[in-house]
């Protein structure tokens, strides 16, 4: 695998894991009166290293033990967040409620375990979100969107088969993949996408940031044996629709400049596929009627389901601005901790309808 992820990102994972684990251990050392010893600090260091080490190992092998280590260590990071939130609540209510420290520690561990178990289970349930969007088109179109599948150590063949089964059951006319089809963190078999060949309608794919971690050559190798079409600043015409696909970029004010260079008719109904939900007003001015994206995962699990709105004001769901629309998917898979609480693993059915069809009845 050609992993282009910078080393500092892996190191940052270690720092985050170290801070979370140290804080959790400090809390339980207080509630359970545990005296710090060298074993105590060794346990903190070991737990903190498991996640970044599993990421490094995935570059060389994605066998079951390595994937299990990755999943367990990522889940520990998610669970640590809930433990620390509950500790914060305990410190706030402690002066008001008479409860022993040890009892509080047991309650915190129990609640955090239940929340984490549910959040882990919730990622296995693929929910269909159905939208109805009117456009100036001559016939209705059923489009299905998937986004942020993150095929890798957690989402593999079983998940892909389940996802493709649901897509086929929705009987779409066209399928959109709005980035991060791949996680970019592990070796994958060349035939990992073979299930997509069961989809008998056009499948259009734009690259997300994690897709770039694999490198362009490897992505091309994955899709060459499928009917998936990668759009690279290109336009596809489909049943009176112009579908514009733009690959991911971290560049600021990127979309308006790129759209200005792409040859499409601004007077015809246009759909933009781009991974990140940014510059909605500018995209609308460029002549786009429907902008479909993902990237945010809707924050994935609480409290990030609320914090994500700071970075991305358009963080989830459907937005409308004077007849133009932006839809931000919750994401089909997960990134990092395989947990969802306050969000959903989503496949989106977008019913594109003739705009004034109801007046023709």
Protein backbone atom coordinates (compact mmCIF):
# COMPACT_ATOMS: atom_id res chain seq x y z
CA UNK A 1 0.00 0.00 0.00
CA UNK A 2 1.21 3.45 -0.86
CA UNK A 3 0.19 5.20 2.39
CA UNK A 4 0.74 8.94 1.97
CA UNK A 5 -0.44 9.80 5.49
CA UNK A 6 2.11 12.14 7.12
CA UNK A 7 4.04 10.70 10.10
CA UNK A 8 2.96 13.59 12.31
CA UNK A 9 -0.68 12.47 12.01
CA UNK A 10 0.17 9.05 13.45
CA UNK A 11 2.17 10.77 16.19
CA UNK A 12 -0.79 13.03 16.94
CA UNK A 13 -2.95 9.92 17.40
CA UNK A 14 -0.47 8.77 20.04
CA UNK A 15 -0.62 12.12 21.86
CA UNK A 16 -4.43 12.13 21.84
CA UNK A 17 -4.55 8.55 23.09
CA UNK A 18 -1.95 9.32 25.78
CA UNK A 19 -3.84 12.35 27.08
CA UNK A 20 -7.19 10.53 27.14
CA UNK A 21 -5.77 7.38 28.77
CA UNK A 22 -3.82 9.34 31.40
CA UNK A 23 -6.93 11.36 32.29
CA UNK A 24 -9.08 8.20 32.57
CA UNK A 25 -6.51 6.44 34.77
CA UNK A 26 -6.21 9.53 36.96
CA UNK A 27 -9.96 9.55 37.47
CA UNK A 28 -10.14 5.88 38.42
CA UNK A 29 -7.05 6.13 40.63
CA UNK A 30 -9.04 8.69 42.62
CA UNK A 31 -12.36 6.83 42.76
CA UNK A 32 -10.80 3.42 43.47
CA UNK A 33 -7.87 4.77 45.53
CA UNK A 34 -5.22 3.26 43.25
CA UNK A 35 -1.64 4.27 44.03
CA UNK A 36 0.46 5.03 40.93
CA UNK A 37 3.32 2.56 40.47
CA UNK A 38 5.54 1.71 37.53
CA UNK A 39 2.91 -0.84 36.47
CA UNK A 40 0.30 1.93 36.50
CA UNK A 41 2.36 4.12 34.17
CA UNK A 42 3.33 1.13 32.02
CA UNK A 43 -0.36 0.33 31.51
CA UNK A 44 -1.04 3.95 30.45
CA UNK A 45 1.83 3.90 27.98
CA UNK A 46 0.85 0.50 26.57
CA UNK A 47 -2.79 1.48 26.02
CA UNK A 48 -1.71 4.79 24.49
CA UNK A 49 0.54 3.03 22.00
CA UNK A 50 -1.93 0.40 20.80
CA UNK A 51 -3.82 2.68 18.37
CA UNK A 52 -0.85 4.29 16.58
CA UNK A 53 1.01 0.95 16.57
CA UNK A 54 -1.99 -0.80 15.00
CA UNK A 55 -2.07 1.90 12.28
CA UNK A 56 1.62 1.31 11.54
CA UNK A 57 1.13 -2.48 11.47
CA UNK A 58 -1.76 -2.13 9.02
CA UNK A 59 0.72 -0.74 6.50
CA UNK A 60 2.37 -4.16 6.43
CA UNK A 61 -0.44 -6.61 7.17
CA UNK A 62 -4.20 -6.43 7.60
CA UNK A 63 -4.62 -9.88 9.12
CA UNK A 64 -7.25 -10.59 11.77
CA UNK A 65 -5.07 -9.94 14.88
CA UNK A 66 -3.92 -6.56 13.56
CA UNK A 67 -7.47 -5.54 12.59
CA UNK A 68 -8.72 -6.66 16.02
CA UNK A 69 -6.03 -4.58 17.72
CA UNK A 70 -7.00 -1.56 15.62
CA UNK A 71 -10.72 -1.95 16.34
CA UNK A 72 -10.21 -2.51 20.08
CA UNK A 73 -7.77 0.40 20.48
CA UNK A 74 -9.96 2.77 18.44
CA UNK A 75 -12.98 1.73 20.53
CA UNK A 76 -11.02 2.44 23.71
CA UNK A 77 -10.45 6.03 22.53
CA UNK A 78 -14.19 6.45 21.99
CA UNK A 79 -15.04 4.92 25.35
CA UNK A 80 -12.45 7.17 27.06
CA UNK A 81 -14.40 10.21 25.85
CA UNK A 82 -17.54 9.00 27.62
CA UNK A 83 -15.65 8.12 30.79
CA UNK A 84 -14.19 11.63 30.97
CA UNK A 85 -17.57 13.27 30.32
CA UNK A 86 -19.08 11.23 33.15
CA UNK A 87 -16.19 12.13 35.44
CA UNK A 88 -16.83 15.80 34.66
CA UNK A 89 -20.52 15.37 35.56
CA UNK A 90 -19.51 13.61 38.78
CA UNK A 91 -17.24 16.48 39.81
CA UNK A 92 -20.07 18.96 39.19
CA UNK A 93 -22.73 17.06 41.18
CA UNK A 94 -20.39 15.73 43.87
CA UNK A 95 -21.00 18.67 46.27
CA UNK A 96 -24.77 18.24 45.83
CA UNK A 97 -25.17 14.45 45.92
CA UNK A 98 -23.85 12.20 48.65
CA UNK A 99 -22.17 9.30 46.89
CA UNK A 100 -18.93 7.53 47.64
CA UNK A 101 -16.04 7.86 45.21
CA UNK A 102 -15.89 4.10 44.68
CA UNK A 103 -19.61 3.88 43.91
CA UNK A 104 -19.24 6.79 41.50
CA UNK A 105 -16.37 4.99 39.77
CA UNK A 106 -18.45 1.85 39.31
CA UNK A 107 -21.43 3.82 37.97
CA UNK A 108 -19.19 5.75 35.55
CA UNK A 109 -17.60 2.56 34.23
CA UNK A 110 -20.99 0.88 33.84
CA UNK A 111 -22.67 3.80 32.01
CA UNK A 112 -19.65 4.36 29.74
CA UNK A 113 -19.62 0.66 28.86
CA UNK A 114 -23.35 0.66 28.00
CA UNK A 115 -23.06 3.83 25.87
CA UNK A 116 -20.00 2.51 24.07
CA UNK A 117 -21.58 -0.89 23.42
CA UNK A 118 -24.67 0.75 21.93
CA UNK A 119 -22.55 3.15 19.84
CA UNK A 120 -20.54 0.20 18.49
CA UNK A 121 -23.70 -1.74 17.66
CA UNK A 122 -25.30 1.29 16.03
CA UNK A 123 -22.65 1.35 13.28
CA UNK A 124 -23.80 -2.08 12.05
CA UNK A 125 -27.29 -0.77 11.20
CA UNK A 126 -27.41 0.73 7.73
CA UNK A 127 -30.30 3.18 7.60
CA UNK A 128 -31.88 4.53 4.43
CA UNK A 129 -32.51 8.27 4.42
CA UNK A 130 -34.99 9.28 1.71
CA UNK A 131 -35.10 12.77 0.19
CA UNK A 132 -37.39 14.37 -2.36
CA UNK A 133 -35.75 17.19 -4.31
CA UNK A 134 -37.49 19.03 -7.19
CA UNK A 135 -35.33 20.02 -10.17
CA UNK A 136 -36.01 21.40 -13.64
CA UNK A 137 -35.77 17.98 -15.29
CA UNK A 138 -37.96 16.17 -17.77
CA UNK A 139 -38.31 12.89 -15.87
CA UNK A 140 -37.94 11.63 -12.32
CA UNK A 141 -34.60 10.09 -11.34
CA UNK A 142 -33.83 7.81 -8.38
CA UNK A 143 -30.28 8.42 -7.18
CA UNK A 144 -28.51 6.66 -4.32
CA UNK A 145 -25.63 8.26 -2.44
CA UNK A 146 -23.04 6.54 -0.29
CA UNK A 147 -20.19 8.43 1.32
CA UNK A 148 -17.32 7.85 3.75
CA UNK A 149 -17.53 4.07 3.58
CA UNK A 150 -13.91 3.86 4.77
CA UNK A 151 -13.19 0.38 3.45
CA UNK A 152 -10.26 -0.81 5.54
CA UNK A 153 -9.59 -2.66 8.79
CA UNK A 154 -13.17 -2.34 10.08
CA UNK A 155 -15.35 -2.11 6.93
CA UNK A 156 -14.49 -5.04 4.69
CA UNK A 157 -16.19 -7.57 2.38
CA UNK A 158 -19.12 -8.38 4.68
CA UNK A 159 -20.03 -4.73 5.11
CA UNK A 160 -19.63 -4.04 1.37
CA UNK A 161 -21.94 -6.94 0.48
CA UNK A 162 -24.58 -5.75 2.95
CA UNK A 163 -24.30 -2.19 1.60
CA UNK A 164 -24.54 -3.25 -2.05
CA UNK A 165 -27.56 -5.45 -1.26
CA UNK A 166 -29.36 -2.41 0.16
CA UNK A 167 -28.39 -0.25 -2.81
CA UNK A 168 -29.79 -2.82 -5.25
CA UNK A 169 -33.00 -3.13 -3.20
CA UNK A 170 -33.53 0.64 -3.61
CA UNK A 171 -33.63 0.18 -7.42
CA UNK A 172 -31.71 3.36 -8.30
CA UNK A 173 -31.15 4.84 -11.74
CA UNK A 174 -27.67 6.05 -10.75
CA UNK A 175 -25.31 5.79 -7.75
CA UNK A 176 -23.06 8.53 -6.35
CA UNK A 177 -20.01 7.91 -4.11
CA UNK A 178 -18.99 11.24 -2.57
CA UNK A 179 -15.50 10.42 -1.33
CA UNK A 180 -13.60 8.36 1.23
CA UNK A 181 -14.63 5.06 -0.25
CA UNK A 182 -11.34 3.83 1.20
CA UNK A 183 -9.94 4.41 4.68
CA UNK A 184 -6.35 4.53 3.43
CA UNK A 185 -5.02 2.76 6.52
CA UNK A 186 -4.52 -0.86 5.46
CA UNK A 187 -3.63 -3.24 2.66
CA UNK A 188 -6.64 -4.37 0.66
CA UNK A 189 -7.21 -7.15 -1.86
CA UNK A 190 -7.41 -6.01 -5.49
CA UNK A 191 -10.90 -7.51 -5.76
CA UNK A 192 -12.27 -5.70 -2.68
CA UNK A 193 -14.81 -3.82 -4.85
CA UNK A 194 -16.10 -6.79 -6.85
CA UNK A 195 -19.51 -6.62 -5.16
CA UNK A 196 -20.06 -3.27 -6.90
CA UNK A 197 -20.29 -5.16 -10.20
CA UNK A 198 -23.73 -6.35 -9.08
CA UNK A 199 -24.98 -2.77 -9.46
CA UNK A 200 -26.32 -2.51 -13.00
CA UNK A 201 -26.59 1.29 -13.23
CA UNK A 202 -23.90 3.98 -13.55
CA UNK A 203 -21.74 4.47 -10.44
CA UNK A 204 -19.92 7.82 -10.21
CA UNK A 205 -17.14 8.37 -7.68
CA UNK A 206 -15.20 11.46 -6.56
CA UNK A 207 -12.10 11.09 -4.41
CA UNK A 208 -12.08 12.19 -0.77
CA UNK A 209 -9.10 13.00 1.43
CA UNK A 210 -8.68 9.40 2.69
CA UNK A 211 -8.77 8.02 -0.84
CA UNK A 212 -5.63 10.05 -1.52
CA UNK A 213 -3.77 8.19 1.26
CA UNK A 214 -3.75 5.12 -0.98
CA UNK A 215 -2.41 7.08 -3.95
CA UNK A 216 -3.94 7.57 -7.38
CA UNK A 217 -2.36 4.48 -8.95
CA UNK A 218 -3.71 2.13 -6.32
CA UNK A 219 -7.18 3.66 -6.45
CA UNK A 220 -7.18 3.15 -10.23
CA UNK A 221 -6.14 -0.45 -9.68
CA UNK A 222 -9.04 -1.03 -7.30
CA UNK A 223 -11.71 0.36 -9.62
CA UNK A 224 -10.43 -0.87 -13.00
CA UNK A 225 -12.18 -4.23 -12.60
CA UNK A 226 -15.52 -2.58 -11.71
CA UNK A 227 -18.07 -0.33 -13.39
CA UNK A 228 -17.20 2.55 -11.04
CA UNK A 229 -16.32 5.75 -12.90
CA UNK A 230 -13.99 8.23 -11.21
CA UNK A 231 -14.82 11.85 -12.06
CA UNK A 232 -11.85 14.20 -12.09
CA UNK A 233 -13.16 17.71 -12.81
CA UNK A 234 -15.48 16.17 -15.38
CA UNK A 235 -19.11 16.39 -16.45
CA UNK A 236 -21.39 13.42 -17.13
CA UNK A 237 -24.77 13.93 -18.81
CA UNK A 238 -27.51 11.65 -17.54
CA UNK A 239 -31.22 11.95 -18.40
CA UNK A 240 -31.11 15.70 -18.78
CA UNK A 241 -28.87 16.17 -15.73
CA UNK A 242 -25.33 17.50 -15.75
CA UNK A 243 -23.33 15.72 -13.05
CA UNK A 244 -20.07 17.46 -12.18
CA UNK A 245 -17.45 15.55 -10.20
CA UNK A 246 -14.59 17.35 -8.43
CA UNK A 247 -11.91 15.47 -6.43
CA UNK A 248 -10.98 16.56 -2.91
CA UNK A 249 -8.61 19.43 -2.21
CA UNK A 250 -7.57 21.25 0.96
CA UNK A 251 -7.23 24.47 -1.05
CA UNK A 252 -9.23 27.47 0.10
CA UNK A 253 -11.74 28.99 -2.35
CA UNK A 254 -11.07 25.90 -4.43
CA UNK A 255 -14.53 25.03 -5.71
CA UNK A 256 -15.48 28.37 -7.35
CA UNK A 257 -12.20 28.41 -9.30
CA UNK A 258 -12.52 24.80 -10.43
CA UNK A 259 -16.18 25.10 -11.40
CA UNK A 260 -15.37 28.18 -13.44
CA UNK A 261 -12.96 26.09 -15.54
CA UNK A 262 -15.30 23.12 -16.06
CA UNK A 263 -17.42 23.31 -19.20
CA UNK A 264 -21.05 22.86 -18.19
CA UNK A 265 -24.23 24.73 -19.08
CA UNK A 266 -25.32 26.85 -16.12
CA UNK A 267 -28.85 27.01 -17.51
CA UNK A 268 -29.33 23.24 -17.29
CA UNK A 269 -30.00 21.28 -14.09
CA UNK A 270 -26.63 20.51 -12.51
CA UNK A 271 -25.53 18.24 -9.66
CA UNK A 272 -22.12 18.65 -8.01
CA UNK A 273 -20.36 15.74 -6.33
CA UNK A 274 -17.68 17.00 -3.94
CA UNK A 275 -16.49 15.40 -0.73
CA UNK A 276 -16.51 18.40 1.64
CA UNK A 277 -19.56 20.63 2.32
CA UNK A 278 -18.01 24.07 1.84
CA UNK A 279 -18.76 27.28 -0.06
CA UNK A 280 -22.43 26.48 -0.64
CA UNK A 281 -23.35 30.04 -1.68
CA UNK A 282 -20.44 30.25 -4.12
CA UNK A 283 -21.33 26.86 -5.59
CA UNK A 284 -24.93 28.03 -6.04
CA UNK A 285 -23.71 31.15 -7.87
CA UNK A 286 -21.62 28.92 -10.14
CA UNK A 287 -24.84 27.36 -11.46
CA UNK A 288 -25.18 24.21 -9.32
CA UNK A 289 -28.71 23.15 -8.38
CA UNK A 290 -27.86 20.24 -6.06
CA UNK A 291 -24.57 19.83 -4.20
CA UNK A 292 -24.00 16.38 -2.66
CA UNK A 293 -21.23 15.78 -0.12
CA UNK A 294 -20.15 13.99 3.05
CA UNK A 295 -16.87 14.14 5.02
CA UNK A 296 -18.30 15.32 8.36
CA UNK A 297 -19.75 11.93 9.46
CA UNK A 298 -22.29 14.19 11.23
CA UNK A 299 -19.74 14.20 14.06
CA UNK A 300 -20.17 10.41 14.33
CA UNK A 301 -20.68 10.22 18.11
CA UNK A 302 -21.64 12.61 20.91
CA UNK A 303 -20.31 15.20 21.80
CA UNK A 304 -18.65 15.57 18.38
CA UNK A 305 -22.11 15.48 16.78
CA UNK A 306 -22.43 19.04 18.13
CA UNK A 307 -18.81 20.16 17.97
CA UNK A 308 -18.60 19.37 14.24
CA UNK A 309 -20.87 22.36 13.58
CA UNK A 310 -18.03 24.68 14.61
CA UNK A 311 -15.84 23.47 11.74
CA UNK A 312 -18.66 22.83 9.26
CA UNK A 313 -21.81 24.96 9.61
CA UNK A 314 -23.41 22.67 7.02
CA UNK A 315 -22.62 19.49 8.92
CA UNK A 316 -25.53 17.13 8.22
CA UNK A 317 -28.76 16.80 6.31
CA UNK A 318 -30.47 18.93 3.68
CA UNK A 319 -30.02 22.68 3.24
CA UNK A 320 -31.88 24.92 0.77
CA UNK A 321 -31.06 28.35 -0.59
CA UNK A 322 -33.55 29.86 -3.05
CA UNK A 323 -34.14 26.69 -5.01
CA UNK A 324 -30.60 25.30 -4.74
CA UNK A 325 -29.83 22.42 -2.39
CA UNK A 326 -26.94 21.00 -0.41
CA UNK A 327 -27.11 17.53 1.09
CA UNK A 328 -24.48 16.38 3.61
CA UNK A 329 -24.51 12.64 4.29
CA UNK A 330 -23.97 11.25 7.78
CA UNK A 331 -21.61 8.78 6.11
CA UNK A 332 -22.04 5.09 5.41
CA UNK A 333 -19.06 3.78 7.38
CA UNK A 334 -16.98 5.17 10.23
CA UNK A 335 -13.55 6.67 10.85
CA UNK A 336 -11.42 5.92 13.91
CA UNK A 337 -13.62 4.68 16.76
CA UNK A 338 -16.28 2.50 15.05
CA UNK A 339 -19.00 4.21 17.07
CA UNK A 340 -22.15 6.20 16.31
CA UNK A 341 -24.23 7.96 18.93
CA UNK A 342 -26.39 10.83 17.73
CA UNK A 343 -25.73 10.00 14.07
CA UNK A 344 -26.43 7.12 11.70
CA UNK A 345 -24.66 4.92 9.17
CA UNK A 346 -26.53 6.06 6.12
CA UNK A 347 -27.40 5.19 2.54
CA UNK A 348 -29.30 8.07 0.94
CA UNK A 349 -32.09 7.65 -1.58
CA UNK A 350 -32.51 10.94 -3.43
CA UNK A 351 -35.73 11.17 -5.44
CA UNK A 352 -35.12 13.85 -8.06
CA UNK A 353 -38.54 14.94 -9.24
CA UNK A 354 -39.82 17.16 -12.04
CA UNK A 355 -40.09 20.55 -10.35
CA UNK A 356 -43.70 21.46 -11.03
CA UNK A 357 -45.01 17.95 -11.52
CA UNK A 358 -47.69 18.38 -8.87
CA UNK A 359 -49.27 21.20 -10.95
CA UNK A 360 -49.63 18.91 -13.94
CA UNK A 361 -52.02 16.50 -12.21
